[in-house]
Protein backbone atom coordinates (compact mmCIF):
# COMPACT_ATOMS: atom_id res chain seq x y z
CA MET A 1 0.00 0.07 -0.01
CA LYS A 2 1.18 3.52 -0.78
CA GLN A 3 2.76 5.19 2.17
CA GLU A 4 2.68 8.95 2.63
CA ALA A 5 5.06 11.16 4.57
CA ASN A 6 2.35 11.24 7.59
CA GLY A 7 1.79 7.39 7.53
CA PRO A 8 -0.71 5.20 5.69
CA SER A 9 -3.28 6.50 3.45
CA ARG A 10 -6.98 6.88 4.89
CA HIS A 11 -9.71 5.93 2.48
CA THR A 12 -13.39 6.98 2.87
CA VAL A 13 -15.67 4.06 2.26
CA TYR A 14 -19.52 3.47 2.22
CA LEU A 15 -20.72 -0.21 2.88
CA ALA A 16 -24.29 -1.56 2.81
CA LEU A 17 -25.16 -4.31 5.23
CA GLY A 18 -28.26 -6.54 4.94
CA ALA A 19 -29.52 -9.67 6.87
CA ASN A 20 -32.66 -11.66 6.49
CA ILE A 21 -32.09 -14.98 8.22
CA GLY A 22 -31.12 -15.88 11.78
CA GLU A 23 -30.74 -13.24 14.27
CA ARG A 24 -30.82 -10.29 11.80
CA LEU A 25 -30.21 -7.47 14.17
CA LYS A 26 -27.44 -9.31 15.91
CA ASN A 27 -25.87 -10.27 12.66
CA LEU A 28 -25.80 -6.54 11.70
CA LYS A 29 -24.24 -5.61 15.08
CA THR A 30 -21.65 -8.38 14.94
CA ALA A 31 -20.64 -7.36 11.25
CA LEU A 32 -20.32 -3.76 12.51
CA GLN A 33 -18.13 -4.92 15.39
CA GLU A 34 -15.89 -6.86 12.91
CA LEU A 35 -15.66 -3.99 10.67
CA ARG A 36 -14.40 -1.78 13.42
CA THR A 37 -11.21 -3.86 13.56
CA ILE A 38 -10.10 -2.48 10.19
CA MET A 39 -11.97 0.75 9.91
CA SER A 40 -13.07 3.76 11.98
CA ILE A 41 -16.92 3.82 11.48
CA GLN A 42 -18.04 7.47 11.66
CA THR A 43 -21.67 7.31 10.64
CA VAL A 44 -24.34 4.66 10.66
CA SER A 45 -27.75 4.91 9.24
CA SER A 46 -30.99 3.83 10.64
CA ILE A 47 -32.11 0.23 9.99
CA TYR A 48 -34.62 -0.32 7.26
CA GLU A 49 -36.79 -3.22 6.84
CA THR A 50 -37.44 -4.17 3.18
CA GLU A 51 -38.87 -6.87 0.97
CA PRO A 52 -36.54 -9.16 -0.76
CA VAL A 53 -35.47 -8.25 -4.33
CA GLY A 54 -34.95 -10.95 -7.10
CA TYR A 55 -35.59 -14.31 -5.28
CA LEU A 56 -38.97 -13.34 -3.49
CA GLU A 57 -39.55 -16.57 -1.46
CA GLN A 58 -37.58 -15.40 1.71
CA PRO A 59 -37.93 -13.33 4.74
CA ARG A 60 -37.77 -9.54 4.91
CA PHE A 61 -34.36 -7.86 5.18
CA LEU A 62 -32.92 -5.53 7.54
CA ASN A 63 -30.65 -3.13 5.75
CA MET A 64 -28.36 -0.16 6.82
CA VAL A 65 -25.30 1.66 5.56
CA CYS A 66 -22.21 2.82 7.35
CA MET A 67 -19.50 5.23 6.44
CA GLY A 68 -15.89 5.10 7.76
CA GLU A 69 -12.23 5.22 7.00
CA THR A 70 -9.81 2.51 6.32
CA GLU A 71 -6.26 2.00 5.44
CA LEU A 72 -7.07 -1.12 3.58
CA ALA A 73 -6.73 -1.29 -0.29
CA PRO A 74 -9.99 -2.00 -2.21
CA GLN A 75 -9.27 -5.70 -2.79
CA ASP A 76 -8.16 -6.19 0.81
CA LEU A 77 -11.41 -4.59 2.06
CA LEU A 78 -13.44 -6.93 -0.32
CA HIS A 79 -11.65 -9.87 1.16
CA PHE A 80 -12.26 -8.70 4.62
CA VAL A 81 -16.00 -8.26 4.12
CA LYS A 82 -16.32 -11.62 2.51
CA ARG A 83 -14.44 -13.23 5.56
CA ILE A 84 -17.06 -11.51 7.79
CA GLU A 85 -19.83 -13.00 5.75
CA VAL A 86 -18.27 -16.54 6.19
CA ILE A 87 -17.73 -16.16 9.84
CA LEU A 88 -21.35 -15.11 10.33
CA GLY A 89 -22.59 -18.13 8.39
CA ARG A 90 -23.09 -17.08 4.77
CA GLN A 91 -22.80 -20.03 2.34
CA PRO A 92 -22.92 -20.13 -1.30
CA GLY A 93 -26.63 -20.48 -2.58
CA ILE A 94 -29.20 -18.99 -4.75
CA GLN A 95 -28.26 -15.60 -6.21
CA ASN A 96 -30.06 -12.86 -4.15
CA GLY A 97 -31.30 -15.68 -1.80
CA PRO A 98 -31.54 -15.65 2.05
CA ARG A 99 -28.37 -14.91 3.89
CA PRO A 100 -27.35 -14.17 7.56
CA ILE A 101 -25.35 -11.19 6.35
CA ASP A 102 -24.38 -9.41 3.19
CA ILE A 103 -21.82 -6.57 2.99
CA ASP A 104 -21.31 -4.56 -0.15
CA ILE A 105 -18.73 -2.00 -0.87
CA LEU A 106 -20.76 0.82 -2.28
CA PHE A 107 -17.98 3.57 -2.71
CA TYR A 108 -14.40 3.76 -2.01
CA ASP A 109 -13.22 7.35 -1.89
CA ARG A 110 -14.34 8.62 -5.36
CA LEU A 111 -12.89 5.76 -7.27
CA GLN A 112 -14.22 3.78 -10.15
CA ILE A 113 -12.93 0.22 -10.22
CA ASP A 114 -13.68 -2.74 -12.34
CA GLU A 115 -11.54 -5.75 -11.44
CA GLY A 116 -13.83 -8.67 -12.09
CA THR A 117 -14.95 -9.66 -8.57
CA LEU A 118 -14.74 -5.93 -7.46
CA ILE A 119 -16.79 -3.20 -9.08
CA ILE A 120 -16.94 0.24 -7.35
CA PRO A 121 -19.36 2.00 -7.24
CA HIS A 122 -21.57 -1.03 -6.69
CA PRO A 123 -22.96 -1.99 -10.04
CA ARG A 124 -26.62 -2.32 -8.97
CA LEU A 125 -26.61 0.72 -6.52
CA LYS A 126 -28.74 2.94 -8.72
CA GLU A 127 -31.50 0.17 -8.81
CA ARG A 128 -31.79 -0.43 -5.14
CA THR A 129 -34.01 1.67 -2.91
CA PHE A 130 -33.05 -0.48 0.02
CA VAL A 131 -29.48 0.72 -0.31
CA LEU A 132 -30.03 4.36 -1.47
CA ALA A 133 -32.53 5.17 1.29
CA PRO A 134 -30.13 4.51 4.18
CA LEU A 135 -27.26 5.85 2.14
CA ALA A 136 -29.19 9.18 1.43
CA GLU A 137 -29.83 9.46 5.29
CA ILE A 138 -26.15 9.66 5.95
CA ALA A 139 -24.69 11.18 2.77
CA PRO A 140 -27.41 12.60 0.53
CA ASP A 141 -24.97 15.02 -1.32
CA PHE A 142 -22.23 12.28 -1.98
CA VAL A 143 -21.70 12.48 -5.77
CA SER A 144 -21.43 9.18 -7.40
CA PRO A 145 -18.28 9.18 -9.51
CA ASP A 146 -19.94 7.13 -12.29
CA THR A 147 -23.10 9.16 -12.85
CA GLY A 148 -22.25 12.60 -11.48
CA GLU A 149 -25.45 12.60 -9.48
CA THR A 150 -25.99 12.90 -5.83
CA VAL A 151 -27.33 9.98 -3.73
CA ALA A 152 -30.49 11.97 -3.13
CA GLU A 153 -30.97 12.56 -6.78
CA LEU A 154 -30.39 8.77 -7.51
CA LEU A 155 -32.87 7.84 -4.60
CA GLN A 156 -35.58 10.39 -6.20
CA LYS A 157 -35.66 8.07 -9.36
CA LEU A 158 -36.77 5.08 -7.48
CA PRO A 159 -40.11 3.92 -5.86
CA GLN A 160 -40.11 4.43 -2.04
CA GLU A 161 -43.01 2.27 -1.18
CA ASP A 162 -41.14 -0.95 -0.67
CA ILE A 163 -38.96 0.37 2.40
CA ARG A 164 -39.55 1.64 5.82
CA LYS A 165 -37.49 2.31 8.74
CA ASP A 166 -37.74 -0.30 11.22
CA SER A 167 -40.74 0.14 13.38
CA MET A 168 -38.86 -0.41 16.62
CA GLY A 169 -36.78 2.71 15.73
CA LEU A 170 -33.64 0.79 15.82
CA ARG A 171 -30.36 2.53 15.19
CA MET A 172 -26.75 1.53 15.87
CA GLU A 173 -24.17 3.88 17.13
CA PRO A 174 -21.10 4.48 14.85
């Protein structure tokens, strides 16, 4: 990794977390705890409960977004979040199927990356209300490097009826 005169580079990252099987809330909390070992989490959205997308015969999801800083390179961050998914019980299965945890890298600084298994900004970000709503809560003015539009502008283009903040008012501290 590139070293600067003042030490390692810090990178701003936005991550989406979702869970729909097992103890959904506990899985989100545990994932955040694991993420704190490699990044300083600065902002966490509310938790949203949403219908599944794609494969519909599964439980509702709890979704949230966090923003923080890390010294990890993009590929290293991807490997780390995939390791968290495995630790929390995620197994290969149906695409968009049920999972105890899903962690996606939405943005890494303002970079555009396309390296096969790693595409940033997340390629389906613009289609997903369940990601854009919590992201707009914490970073409405963040400009997507691939579209030049703010997160709030991207969210306005999508239907809003399929998401709601969790009725229990759940929110985790950064």
